[in-house]
Amino acid sequence: MPQMSPMSWILLLVSFTIMIISVISMMYFTYLPKRTAKRSKNIKVLLKELNSNTRYWKW
């Protein structure tokens, strides 16, 4: 195998860290919903209100 340039090493590190972060976020979102169910409901309500507002603005 040819020797890897520093740029390729940096890219490897970046991709690896992104993978780790995505895995951690998946764990976070699978284990936390029980505690933060109320918050997510509030966020959904807010999103619905925003959607209705944008519908009115389109008119």
PDB file of N, CA and C in Angstrom:
ATOM      1  N   MET A   1       0.836  -1.210   0.000  1.00  0.00           N
ATOM      2  CA  MET A   1       0.000   0.000   0.000  1.00  0.00           C
ATOM      3  C   MET A   1       0.870   1.260   0.000  1.00  0.00           C
ATOM      4  N   PRO A   2       0.496   2.266  -0.745  1.00  0.00           N
ATOM      5  CA  PRO A   2       1.278   3.525  -0.743  1.00  0.00           C
ATOM      6  C   PRO A   2       1.077   4.293   0.556  1.00  0.00           C
ATOM      7  N   GLN A   3       2.065   5.087   0.897  1.00  0.00           N
ATOM      8  CA  GLN A   3       1.955   5.874   2.134  1.00  0.00           C
ATOM      9  C   GLN A   3       0.862   6.937   1.972  1.00  0.00           C
ATOM     10  N   MET A   4       0.121   7.155   3.068  1.00  0.00           N
ATOM     11  CA  MET A   4      -0.970   8.122   3.009  1.00  0.00           C
ATOM     12  C   MET A   4      -0.459   9.525   3.289  1.00  0.00           C
ATOM     13  N   SER A   5      -0.981  10.478   2.538  1.00  0.00           N
ATOM     14  CA  SER A   5      -0.600  11.878   2.759  1.00  0.00           C
ATOM     15  C   SER A   5      -1.319  12.424   3.990  1.00  0.00           C
ATOM     16  N   PRO A   6      -0.799  13.486   4.598  1.00  0.00           N
ATOM     17  CA  PRO A   6      -1.440  14.040   5.801  1.00  0.00           C
ATOM     18  C   PRO A   6      -2.893  14.434   5.565  1.00  0.00           C
ATOM     19  N   MET A   7      -3.197  14.940   4.362  1.00  0.00           N
ATOM     20  CA  MET A   7      -4.575  15.331   4.065  1.00  0.00           C
ATOM     21  C   MET A   7      -5.513  14.134   4.175  1.00  0.00           C
ATOM     22  N   SER A   8      -5.111  13.002   3.628  1.00  0.00           N
ATOM     23  CA  SER A   8      -5.966  11.815   3.685  1.00  0.00           C
ATOM     24  C   SER A   8      -6.143  11.358   5.134  1.00  0.00           C
ATOM     25  N   TRP A   9      -5.080  11.483   5.932  1.00  0.00           N
ATOM     26  CA  TRP A   9      -5.198  11.132   7.351  1.00  0.00           C
ATOM     27  C   TRP A   9      -6.223  12.029   8.033  1.00  0.00           C
ATOM     28  N   ILE A  10      -6.164  13.327   7.724  1.00  0.00           N
ATOM     29  CA  ILE A  10      -7.111  14.280   8.324  1.00  0.00           C
ATOM     30  C   ILE A  10      -8.539  13.914   7.917  1.00  0.00           C
ATOM     31  N   LEU A  11      -8.712  13.592   6.633  1.00  0.00           N
ATOM     32  CA  LEU A  11     -10.047  13.207   6.156  1.00  0.00           C
ATOM     33  C   LEU A  11     -10.536  11.964   6.886  1.00  0.00           C
ATOM     34  N   LEU A  12      -9.653  10.997   7.069  1.00  0.00           N
ATOM     35  CA  LEU A  12     -10.020   9.780   7.795  1.00  0.00           C
ATOM     36  C   LEU A  12     -10.471  10.120   9.214  1.00  0.00           C
ATOM     37  N   LEU A  13      -9.674  10.938   9.894  1.00  0.00           N
ATOM     38  CA  LEU A  13     -10.022  11.334  11.265  1.00  0.00           C
ATOM     39  C   LEU A  13     -11.383  12.025  11.305  1.00  0.00           C
ATOM     40  N   VAL A  14     -11.611  12.936  10.356  1.00  0.00           N
ATOM     41  CA  VAL A  14     -12.869  13.687  10.329  1.00  0.00           C
ATOM     42  C   VAL A  14     -14.041  12.736  10.126  1.00  0.00           C
ATOM     43  N   SER A  15     -13.920  11.837   9.164  1.00  0.00           N
ATOM     44  CA  SER A  15     -15.014  10.897   8.902  1.00  0.00           C
ATOM     45  C   SER A  15     -15.262  10.009  10.122  1.00  0.00           C
ATOM     46  N   PHE A  16     -14.193   9.591  10.780  1.00  0.00           N
ATOM     47  CA  PHE A  16     -14.319   8.741  11.972  1.00  0.00           C
ATOM     48  C   PHE A  16     -15.057   9.478  13.079  1.00  0.00           C
ATOM     49  N   THR A  17     -14.661  10.749  13.316  1.00  0.00           N
ATOM     50  CA  THR A  17     -15.322  11.527  14.362  1.00  0.00           C
ATOM     51  C   THR A  17     -16.797  11.745  14.021  1.00  0.00           C
ATOM     52  N   ILE A  18     -17.090  11.972  12.746  1.00  0.00           N
ATOM     53  CA  ILE A  18     -18.488  12.161  12.336  1.00  0.00           C
ATOM     54  C   ILE A  18     -19.286  10.889  12.619  1.00  0.00           C
ATOM     55  N   MET A  19     -18.690   9.748  12.324  1.00  0.00           N
ATOM     56  CA  MET A  19     -19.368   8.475  12.602  1.00  0.00           C
ATOM     57  C   MET A  19     -19.652   8.346  14.100  1.00  0.00           C
ATOM     58  N   ILE A  20     -18.651   8.631  14.924  1.00  0.00           N
ATOM     59  CA  ILE A  20     -18.820   8.507  16.382  1.00  0.00           C
ATOM     60  C   ILE A  20     -19.922   9.444  16.857  1.00  0.00           C
ATOM     61  N   ILE A  21     -19.908  10.680  16.355  1.00  0.00           N
ATOM     62  CA  ILE A  21     -20.915  11.669  16.773  1.00  0.00           C
ATOM     63  C   ILE A  21     -22.309  11.196  16.372  1.00  0.00           C
ATOM     64  N   SER A  22     -22.439  10.652  15.159  1.00  0.00           N
ATOM     65  CA  SER A  22     -23.754  10.184  14.707  1.00  0.00           C
ATOM     66  C   SER A  22     -24.240   9.033  15.586  1.00  0.00           C
ATOM     67  N   VAL A  23     -23.342   8.112  15.925  1.00  0.00           N
ATOM     68  CA  VAL A  23     -23.723   6.984  16.786  1.00  0.00           C
ATOM     69  C   VAL A  23     -24.174   7.499  18.149  1.00  0.00           C
ATOM     70  N   ILE A  24     -23.404   8.448  18.713  1.00  0.00           N
ATOM     71  CA  ILE A  24     -23.753   8.990  20.028  1.00  0.00           C
ATOM     72  C   ILE A  24     -25.098   9.696  19.971  1.00  0.00           C
ATOM     73  N   SER A  25     -25.336  10.457  18.900  1.00  0.00           N
ATOM     74  CA  SER A  25     -26.612  11.172  18.781  1.00  0.00           C
ATOM     75  C   SER A  25     -27.767  10.179  18.643  1.00  0.00           C
ATOM     76  N   MET A  26     -27.543   9.074  17.907  1.00  0.00           N
ATOM     77  CA  MET A  26     -28.582   8.054  17.785  1.00  0.00           C
ATOM     78  C   MET A  26     -28.904   7.485  19.166  1.00  0.00           C
ATOM     79  N   MET A  27     -27.872   7.139  19.943  1.00  0.00           N
ATOM     80  CA  MET A  27     -28.076   6.619  21.290  1.00  0.00           C
ATOM     81  C   MET A  27     -28.857   7.642  22.120  1.00  0.00           C
ATOM     82  N   TYR A  28     -28.407   8.908  22.027  1.00  0.00           N
ATOM     83  CA  TYR A  28     -29.024  10.010  22.779  1.00  0.00           C
ATOM     84  C   TYR A  28     -30.518  10.086  22.459  1.00  0.00           C
ATOM     85  N   PHE A  29     -30.851  10.027  21.159  1.00  0.00           N
ATOM     86  CA  PHE A  29     -32.249  10.190  20.758  1.00  0.00           C
ATOM     87  C   PHE A  29     -33.077   8.941  21.041  1.00  0.00           C
ATOM     88  N   THR A  30     -32.438   7.769  21.185  1.00  0.00           N
ATOM     89  CA  THR A  30     -33.217   6.565  21.488  1.00  0.00           C
ATOM     90  C   THR A  30     -33.455   6.426  22.985  1.00  0.00           C
ATOM     91  N   TYR A  31     -32.513   6.921  23.806  1.00  0.00           N
ATOM     92  CA  TYR A  31     -32.648   6.729  25.253  1.00  0.00           C
ATOM     93  C   TYR A  31     -33.348   7.894  25.959  1.00  0.00           C
ATOM     94  N   LEU A  32     -33.307   9.107  25.362  1.00  0.00           N
ATOM     95  CA  LEU A  32     -33.844  10.269  26.062  1.00  0.00           C
ATOM     96  C   LEU A  32     -35.334  10.550  25.862  1.00  0.00           C
ATOM     97  N   PRO A  33     -35.992  10.094  24.790  1.00  0.00           N
ATOM     98  CA  PRO A  33     -37.367  10.552  24.515  1.00  0.00           C
ATOM     99  C   PRO A  33     -38.315  10.415  25.696  1.00  0.00           C
ATOM    100  N   LYS A  34     -38.102   9.420  26.559  1.00  0.00           N
ATOM    101  CA  LYS A  34     -38.994   9.226  27.701  1.00  0.00           C
ATOM    102  C   LYS A  34     -38.977  10.444  28.616  1.00  0.00           C
ATOM    103  N   ARG A  35     -37.797  11.020  28.807  1.00  0.00           N
ATOM    104  CA  ARG A  35     -37.671  12.167  29.708  1.00  0.00           C
ATOM    105  C   ARG A  35     -38.163  13.449  29.043  1.00  0.00           C
ATOM    106  N   THR A  36     -37.865  13.617  27.751  1.00  0.00           N
ATOM    107  CA  THR A  36     -38.131  14.890  27.082  1.00  0.00           C
ATOM    108  C   THR A  36     -39.339  14.795  26.152  1.00  0.00           C
ATOM    109  N   ALA A  37     -40.321  13.957  26.496  1.00  0.00           N
ATOM    110  CA  ALA A  37     -41.503  13.825  25.645  1.00  0.00           C
ATOM    111  C   ALA A  37     -42.293  15.128  25.618  1.00  0.00           C
ATOM    112  N   LYS A  38     -42.432  15.782  26.779  1.00  0.00           N
ATOM    113  CA  LYS A  38     -43.202  17.029  26.845  1.00  0.00           C
ATOM    114  C   LYS A  38     -42.562  18.085  25.952  1.00  0.00           C
ATOM    115  N   ARG A  39     -41.240  18.192  26.015  1.00  0.00           N
ATOM    116  CA  ARG A  39     -40.550  19.198  25.209  1.00  0.00           C
ATOM    117  C   ARG A  39     -40.790  18.954  23.722  1.00  0.00           C
ATOM    118  N   SER A  40     -40.656  17.717  23.299  1.00  0.00           N
ATOM    119  CA  SER A  40     -40.829  17.413  21.881  1.00  0.00           C
ATOM    120  C   SER A  40     -42.255  17.733  21.443  1.00  0.00           C
ATOM    121  N   LYS A  41     -43.231  17.468  22.327  1.00  0.00           N
ATOM    122  CA  LYS A  41     -44.624  17.809  21.991  1.00  0.00           C
ATOM    123  C   LYS A  41     -44.758  19.309  21.790  1.00  0.00           C
ATOM    124  N   ASN A  42     -44.139  20.086  22.695  1.00  0.00           N
ATOM    125  CA  ASN A  42     -44.186  21.541  22.551  1.00  0.00           C
ATOM    126  C   ASN A  42     -43.568  21.977  21.230  1.00  0.00           C
ATOM    127  N   ILE A  43     -42.434  21.353  20.881  1.00  0.00           N
ATOM    128  CA  ILE A  43     -41.758  21.694  19.628  1.00  0.00           C
ATOM    129  C   ILE A  43     -42.669  21.369  18.447  1.00  0.00           C
ATOM    130  N   LYS A  44     -43.350  20.211  18.505  1.00  0.00           N
ATOM    131  CA  LYS A  44     -44.266  19.849  17.418  1.00  0.00           C
ATOM    132  C   LYS A  44     -45.377  20.877  17.285  1.00  0.00           C
ATOM    133  N   VAL A  45     -45.923  21.321  18.424  1.00  0.00           N
ATOM    134  CA  VAL A  45     -46.981  22.337  18.387  1.00  0.00           C
ATOM    135  C   VAL A  45     -46.455  23.617  17.755  1.00  0.00           C
ATOM    136  N   LEU A  46     -45.252  24.011  18.152  1.00  0.00           N
ATOM    137  CA  LEU A  46     -44.645  25.213  17.587  1.00  0.00           C
ATOM    138  C   LEU A  46     -44.488  25.082  16.075  1.00  0.00           C
ATOM    139  N   LEU A  47     -44.015  23.914  15.628  1.00  0.00           N
ATOM    140  CA  LEU A  47     -43.847  23.697  14.197  1.00  0.00           C
ATOM    141  C   LEU A  47     -45.186  23.783  13.476  1.00  0.00           C
ATOM    142  N   LYS A  48     -46.228  23.203  14.062  1.00  0.00           N
ATOM    143  CA  LYS A  48     -47.556  23.281  13.447  1.00  0.00           C
ATOM    144  C   LYS A  48     -47.998  24.730  13.319  1.00  0.00           C
ATOM    145  N   GLU A  49     -47.795  25.533  14.377  1.00  0.00           N
ATOM    146  CA  GLU A  49     -48.158  26.943  14.331  1.00  0.00           C
ATOM    147  C   GLU A  49     -47.382  27.672  13.244  1.00  0.00           C
ATOM    148  N   LEU A  50     -46.084  27.370  13.144  1.00  0.00           N
ATOM    149  CA  LEU A  50     -45.281  28.001  12.103  1.00  0.00           C
ATOM    150  C   LEU A  50     -45.803  27.635  10.720  1.00  0.00           C
ATOM    151  N   ASN A  51     -46.143  26.369  10.521  1.00  0.00           N
ATOM    152  CA  ASN A  51     -46.666  25.934   9.228  1.00  0.00           C
ATOM    153  C   ASN A  51     -47.948  26.677   8.886  1.00  0.00           C
ATOM    154  N   SER A  52     -48.870  26.808   9.860  1.00  0.00           N
ATOM    155  CA  SER A  52     -50.126  27.518   9.605  1.00  0.00           C
ATOM    156  C   SER A  52     -49.842  28.982   9.279  1.00  0.00           C
ATOM    157  N   ASN A  53     -48.880  29.589  10.003  1.00  0.00           N
ATOM    158  CA  ASN A  53     -48.532  30.983   9.728  1.00  0.00           C
ATOM    159  C   ASN A  53     -48.003  31.136   8.312  1.00  0.00           C
ATOM    160  N   THR A  54     -47.142  30.226   7.878  1.00  0.00           N
ATOM    161  CA  THR A  54     -46.595  30.330   6.527  1.00  0.00           C
ATOM    162  C   THR A  54     -47.712  30.160   5.502  1.00  0.00           C
ATOM    163  N   ARG A  55     -48.692  29.317   5.796  1.00  0.00           N
ATOM    164  CA  ARG A  55     -49.827  29.171   4.877  1.00  0.00           C
ATOM    165  C   ARG A  55     -50.560  30.502   4.725  1.00  0.00           C
ATOM    166  N   TYR A  56     -50.757  31.194   5.844  1.00  0.00           N
ATOM    167  CA  TYR A  56     -51.434  32.487   5.771  1.00  0.00           C
ATOM    168  C   TYR A  56     -50.593  33.497   4.991  1.00  0.00           C
ATOM    169  N   TRP A  57     -49.278  33.461   5.210  1.00  0.00           N
ATOM    170  CA  TRP A  57     -48.403  34.404   4.508  1.00  0.00           C
ATOM    171  C   TRP A  57     -48.420  34.168   3.012  1.00  0.00           C
ATOM    172  N   LYS A  58     -48.549  32.919   2.595  1.00  0.00           N
ATOM    173  CA  LYS A  58     -48.586  32.640   1.156  1.00  0.00           C
ATOM    174  C   LYS A  58     -49.783  33.331   0.510  1.00  0.00           C
ATOM    175  N   TRP A  59     -50.913  33.406   1.217  1.00  0.00           N
ATOM    176  CA  TRP A  59     -52.069  34.113   0.663  1.00  0.00           C
ATOM    177  C   TRP A  59     -51.749  35.613   0.578  1.00  0.00           C
TER     178      TRP A  59
END
